[in-house]
Amino acid sequence: MAKKAAAGTPATALLTAQKVEHTLHPYEVAPDAPNYGALVAQALGIAPEQVFKTLIVGVDGSLVVAVVPVTGDLDLKALAQAAGGKRAALADRAAAERSSGYVRGGISPLGQRKRLPTVIDDSVTVLTRMYVSAGRRGLQVGLAPGDLIRLTEAVTAPIRT
């Protein structure tokens, strides 16, 4: 059952402060489970195409946030191009956690410690609702894609394989 109360993360605090309509969805899935994203969608009873993962990526030496559906993988070359760079590689865990202020498996595109350029896969443009990490493991937030794009000042591009 979706909850409206704040969960006490920087992501949910931002959504509340900006008066963005959202719902919180707790779930229980082992963080190291294979096919984690599909299991999260199943646990929440929603289509996997609506669940997005947040990845921190180095593009030409600068960090960028990539938000892609759990049904696909990140196309690093496409992300580099969308971010105006030439080369991209996943950031190491410590750099991602330090920059975002979140732990791996709970990195949200919202309320990050350091605001980074954000690219969201363009598949989001056909959705009315999407789900991303709410800033801790075991908690997703459902919101309108336009709100996420606005709050993160993101661009959309085809960045999934």
C-alpha atoms as a PDB file:
ATOM      1  CA  MET A   1       0.000   0.000   0.000  1.00  0.00           C
ATOM      2  CA  ALA A   2       1.387   3.423  -0.918  1.00  0.00           C
ATOM      3  CA  LYS A   3       2.101   5.873   1.849  1.00  0.00           C
ATOM      4  CA  LYS A   4       2.117   9.665   1.677  1.00  0.00           C
ATOM      5  CA  ALA A   5       4.174  10.380   4.813  1.00  0.00           C
ATOM      6  CA  ALA A   6       7.756  11.546   4.469  1.00  0.00           C
ATOM      7  CA  ALA A   7      10.385   8.838   4.872  1.00  0.00           C
ATOM      8  CA  GLY A   8      13.056  11.155   6.156  1.00  0.00           C
ATOM      9  CA  THR A   9      15.476  11.175   3.224  1.00  0.00           C
ATOM     10  CA  PRO A  10      16.802  14.194   1.329  1.00  0.00           C
ATOM     11  CA  ALA A  11      14.786  13.003  -1.689  1.00  0.00           C
ATOM     12  CA  THR A  12      11.472  12.911   0.155  1.00  0.00           C
ATOM     13  CA  ALA A  13      12.262  16.177   1.947  1.00  0.00           C
ATOM     14  CA  LEU A  14      12.816  17.837  -1.448  1.00  0.00           C
ATOM     15  CA  LEU A  15       9.544  16.474  -2.827  1.00  0.00           C
ATOM     16  CA  THR A  16       7.648  17.644   0.245  1.00  0.00           C
ATOM     17  CA  ALA A  17       9.282  21.093   0.231  1.00  0.00           C
ATOM     18  CA  GLN A  18       8.486  21.532  -3.475  1.00  0.00           C
ATOM     19  CA  LYS A  19       4.902  20.310  -2.893  1.00  0.00           C
ATOM     20  CA  VAL A  20       5.298  17.585  -5.520  1.00  0.00           C
ATOM     21  CA  GLU A  21       2.602  14.911  -5.505  1.00  0.00           C
ATOM     22  CA  HIS A  22       4.304  11.588  -4.806  1.00  0.00           C
ATOM     23  CA  THR A  23       3.731   8.236  -3.155  1.00  0.00           C
ATOM     24  CA  LEU A  24       6.162   6.126  -1.137  1.00  0.00           C
ATOM     25  CA  HIS A  25       6.446   2.402  -1.672  1.00  0.00           C
ATOM     26  CA  PRO A  26       8.408   0.246   0.774  1.00  0.00           C
ATOM     27  CA  TYR A  27       9.520  -3.195  -0.398  1.00  0.00           C
ATOM     28  CA  GLU A  28      11.735  -6.061   0.675  1.00  0.00           C
ATOM     29  CA  VAL A  29      14.209  -7.426  -1.853  1.00  0.00           C
ATOM     30  CA  ALA A  30      17.749  -8.571  -1.036  1.00  0.00           C
ATOM     31  CA  PRO A  31      20.141  -5.885  -2.386  1.00  0.00           C
ATOM     32  CA  ASP A  32      22.379  -8.518  -3.989  1.00  0.00           C
ATOM     33  CA  ALA A  33      19.540 -10.463  -5.633  1.00  0.00           C
ATOM     34  CA  PRO A  34      19.996 -11.157  -9.342  1.00  0.00           C
ATOM     35  CA  ASN A  35      17.572  -9.178 -11.513  1.00  0.00           C
ATOM     36  CA  TYR A  36      16.992  -6.774  -8.603  1.00  0.00           C
ATOM     37  CA  GLY A  37      14.952  -4.221 -10.563  1.00  0.00           C
ATOM     38  CA  ALA A  38      12.466  -6.797 -11.841  1.00  0.00           C
ATOM     39  CA  LEU A  39      12.073  -8.125  -8.305  1.00  0.00           C
ATOM     40  CA  VAL A  40      11.379  -4.614  -7.004  1.00  0.00           C
ATOM     41  CA  ALA A  41       8.700  -4.101  -9.673  1.00  0.00           C
ATOM     42  CA  GLN A  42       7.176  -7.478  -8.796  1.00  0.00           C
ATOM     43  CA  ALA A  43       7.221  -6.689  -5.058  1.00  0.00           C
ATOM     44  CA  LEU A  44       5.433  -3.389  -5.745  1.00  0.00           C
ATOM     45  CA  GLY A  45       3.001  -4.891  -8.252  1.00  0.00           C
ATOM     46  CA  ILE A  46       3.924  -2.433 -11.028  1.00  0.00           C
ATOM     47  CA  ALA A  47       5.199  -2.786 -14.587  1.00  0.00           C
ATOM     48  CA  PRO A  48       9.011  -3.112 -14.708  1.00  0.00           C
ATOM     49  CA  GLU A  49       9.102  -0.423 -17.433  1.00  0.00           C
ATOM     50  CA  GLN A  50       8.009   2.110 -14.797  1.00  0.00           C
ATOM     51  CA  VAL A  51      10.858   1.328 -12.376  1.00  0.00           C
ATOM     52  CA  PHE A  52      14.092   3.238 -12.985  1.00  0.00           C
ATOM     53  CA  LYS A  53      17.583   2.825 -11.573  1.00  0.00           C
ATOM     54  CA  THR A  54      19.941   5.690 -10.823  1.00  0.00           C
ATOM     55  CA  LEU A  55      23.581   5.341 -11.829  1.00  0.00           C
ATOM     56  CA  ILE A  56      26.480   7.731 -11.263  1.00  0.00           C
ATOM     57  CA  VAL A  57      28.786   7.823 -14.267  1.00  0.00           C
ATOM     58  CA  GLY A  58      32.043   9.559 -15.059  1.00  0.00           C
ATOM     59  CA  VAL A  59      31.868  11.386 -18.394  1.00  0.00           C
ATOM     60  CA  ASP A  60      35.207  12.834 -19.489  1.00  0.00           C
ATOM     61  CA  GLY A  61      36.251  13.151 -15.837  1.00  0.00           C
ATOM     62  CA  SER A  62      33.022  14.731 -14.524  1.00  0.00           C
ATOM     63  CA  LEU A  63      30.212  12.917 -12.739  1.00  0.00           C
ATOM     64  CA  VAL A  64      26.780  12.638 -14.370  1.00  0.00           C
ATOM     65  CA  VAL A  65      23.556  11.011 -13.132  1.00  0.00           C
ATOM     66  CA  ALA A  66      21.923   8.504 -15.489  1.00  0.00           C
ATOM     67  CA  VAL A  67      18.360   7.319 -14.868  1.00  0.00           C
ATOM     68  CA  VAL A  68      17.360   4.249 -16.884  1.00  0.00           C
ATOM     69  CA  PRO A  69      14.574   1.672 -16.717  1.00  0.00           C
ATOM     70  CA  VAL A  70      15.457  -1.515 -14.848  1.00  0.00           C
ATOM     71  CA  THR A  71      14.375  -3.426 -17.967  1.00  0.00           C
ATOM     72  CA  GLY A  72      17.530  -2.353 -19.815  1.00  0.00           C
ATOM     73  CA  ASP A  73      21.150  -1.449 -19.354  1.00  0.00           C
ATOM     74  CA  LEU A  74      22.869   1.896 -19.650  1.00  0.00           C
ATOM     75  CA  ASP A  75      24.419   2.635 -23.051  1.00  0.00           C
ATOM     76  CA  LEU A  76      27.595   4.418 -21.944  1.00  0.00           C
ATOM     77  CA  LYS A  77      28.367   5.761 -25.412  1.00  0.00           C
ATOM     78  CA  ALA A  78      24.862   7.234 -25.752  1.00  0.00           C
ATOM     79  CA  LEU A  79      25.105   8.762 -22.275  1.00  0.00           C
ATOM     80  CA  ALA A  80      28.468  10.353 -23.072  1.00  0.00           C
ATOM     81  CA  GLN A  81      26.979  11.892 -26.214  1.00  0.00           C
ATOM     82  CA  ALA A  82      23.863  13.115 -24.367  1.00  0.00           C
ATOM     83  CA  ALA A  83      26.078  14.683 -21.692  1.00  0.00           C
ATOM     84  CA  GLY A  84      28.258  16.416 -24.285  1.00  0.00           C
ATOM     85  CA  GLY A  85      31.262  14.171 -23.753  1.00  0.00           C
ATOM     86  CA  LYS A  86      33.225  11.486 -25.523  1.00  0.00           C
ATOM     87  CA  ARG A  87      33.874   8.727 -22.956  1.00  0.00           C
ATOM     88  CA  ALA A  88      31.816   7.374 -20.088  1.00  0.00           C
ATOM     89  CA  ALA A  89      32.401   4.739 -17.411  1.00  0.00           C
ATOM     90  CA  LEU A  90      30.468   3.840 -14.288  1.00  0.00           C
ATOM     91  CA  ALA A  91      31.816   5.708 -11.284  1.00  0.00           C
ATOM     92  CA  ASP A  92      33.287   3.587  -8.545  1.00  0.00           C
ATOM     93  CA  ARG A  93      31.068   2.899  -5.581  1.00  0.00           C
ATOM     94  CA  ALA A  94      32.890   5.241  -3.186  1.00  0.00           C
ATOM     95  CA  ALA A  95      32.736   8.187  -5.612  1.00  0.00           C
ATOM     96  CA  ALA A  96      29.026   7.568  -6.293  1.00  0.00           C
ATOM     97  CA  GLU A  97      28.188   7.392  -2.595  1.00  0.00           C
ATOM     98  CA  ARG A  98      30.338  10.400  -1.696  1.00  0.00           C
ATOM     99  CA  SER A  99      28.854  12.576  -4.443  1.00  0.00           C
ATOM    100  CA  SER A 100      25.221  11.565  -3.929  1.00  0.00           C
ATOM    101  CA  GLY A 101      25.170  11.204  -0.156  1.00  0.00           C
ATOM    102  CA  TYR A 102      23.328   7.898  -0.569  1.00  0.00           C
ATOM    103  CA  VAL A 103      24.452   4.271  -0.300  1.00  0.00           C
ATOM    104  CA  ARG A 104      24.591   1.953  -3.308  1.00  0.00           C
ATOM    105  CA  GLY A 105      21.177   0.392  -3.860  1.00  0.00           C
ATOM    106  CA  GLY A 106      19.514   3.501  -2.446  1.00  0.00           C
ATOM    107  CA  ILE A 107      20.870   6.263  -4.689  1.00  0.00           C
ATOM    108  CA  SER A 108      18.069   8.611  -5.673  1.00  0.00           C
ATOM    109  CA  PRO A 109      18.270  11.144  -8.488  1.00  0.00           C
ATOM    110  CA  LEU A 110      16.598  13.577  -6.062  1.00  0.00           C
ATOM    111  CA  GLY A 111      18.167  15.406  -3.138  1.00  0.00           C
ATOM    112  CA  GLN A 112      21.733  14.436  -3.904  1.00  0.00           C
ATOM    113  CA  ARG A 113      24.494  16.030  -1.832  1.00  0.00           C
ATOM    114  CA  LYS A 114      26.020  17.547  -4.968  1.00  0.00           C
ATOM    115  CA  ARG A 115      23.797  18.516  -7.881  1.00  0.00           C
ATOM    116  CA  LEU A 116      25.062  16.808 -11.011  1.00  0.00           C
ATOM    117  CA  PRO A 117      23.975  16.983 -14.643  1.00  0.00           C
ATOM    118  CA  THR A 118      21.222  14.407 -15.094  1.00  0.00           C
ATOM    119  CA  VAL A 119      20.152  12.423 -18.153  1.00  0.00           C
ATOM    120  CA  ILE A 120      16.940  10.390 -18.034  1.00  0.00           C
ATOM    121  CA  ASP A 121      16.181   7.748 -20.644  1.00  0.00           C
ATOM    122  CA  ASP A 122      13.630   9.041 -23.127  1.00  0.00           C
ATOM    123  CA  SER A 123      11.327   6.050 -22.522  1.00  0.00           C
ATOM    124  CA  VAL A 124      10.066   8.104 -19.585  1.00  0.00           C
ATOM    125  CA  THR A 125       8.254  10.477 -21.956  1.00  0.00           C
ATOM    126  CA  VAL A 126       5.460   7.940 -22.593  1.00  0.00           C
ATOM    127  CA  LEU A 127       4.816   7.323 -18.889  1.00  0.00           C
ATOM    128  CA  THR A 128       2.422   9.128 -16.585  1.00  0.00           C
ATOM    129  CA  ARG A 129       4.063   7.635 -13.474  1.00  0.00           C
ATOM    130  CA  MET A 130       7.566   6.403 -12.756  1.00  0.00           C
ATOM    131  CA  TYR A 131       9.342   4.980  -9.728  1.00  0.00           C
ATOM    132  CA  VAL A 132      12.869   5.762  -8.521  1.00  0.00           C
ATOM    133  CA  SER A 133      14.724   5.212  -5.284  1.00  0.00           C
ATOM    134  CA  ALA A 134      13.461   7.431  -2.490  1.00  0.00           C
ATOM    135  CA  GLY A 135      16.963   7.636  -1.036  1.00  0.00           C
ATOM    136  CA  ARG A 136      17.321   4.424   0.898  1.00  0.00           C
ATOM    137  CA  ARG A 137      17.286   0.725   0.176  1.00  0.00           C
ATOM    138  CA  GLY A 138      13.806  -0.740   0.316  1.00  0.00           C
ATOM    139  CA  LEU A 139      11.918   2.453  -0.560  1.00  0.00           C
ATOM    140  CA  GLN A 140      10.764   3.710  -3.950  1.00  0.00           C
ATOM    141  CA  VAL A 141       8.966   6.947  -4.726  1.00  0.00           C
ATOM    142  CA  GLY A 142       6.310   7.206  -7.424  1.00  0.00           C
ATOM    143  CA  LEU A 143       5.977  10.536  -9.208  1.00  0.00           C
ATOM    144  CA  ALA A 144       5.201  12.124 -12.557  1.00  0.00           C
ATOM    145  CA  PRO A 145       8.188  12.027 -14.933  1.00  0.00           C
ATOM    146  CA  GLY A 146       7.823  15.757 -15.595  1.00  0.00           C
ATOM    147  CA  ASP A 147       8.359  16.483 -11.902  1.00  0.00           C
ATOM    148  CA  LEU A 148      11.569  14.451 -11.826  1.00  0.00           C
ATOM    149  CA  ILE A 149      12.815  16.152 -14.993  1.00  0.00           C
ATOM    150  CA  ARG A 150      12.037  19.590 -13.562  1.00  0.00           C
ATOM    151  CA  LEU A 151      13.537  18.991 -10.119  1.00  0.00           C
ATOM    152  CA  THR A 152      16.769  17.511 -11.481  1.00  0.00           C
ATOM    153  CA  GLU A 153      16.946  19.886 -14.465  1.00  0.00           C
ATOM    154  CA  ALA A 154      17.440  16.727 -16.542  1.00  0.00           C
ATOM    155  CA  VAL A 155      17.586  16.185 -20.249  1.00  0.00           C
ATOM    156  CA  THR A 156      16.017  13.135 -21.835  1.00  0.00           C
ATOM    157  CA  ALA A 157      17.830  11.019 -24.394  1.00  0.00           C
ATOM    158  CA  PRO A 158      17.875   7.405 -25.590  1.00  0.00           C
ATOM    159  CA  ILE A 159      20.503   6.063 -23.165  1.00  0.00           C
ATOM    160  CA  ARG A 160      19.400   2.449 -22.608  1.00  0.00           C
ATOM    161  CA  THR A 161      20.338  -0.685 -24.494  1.00  0.00           C
END
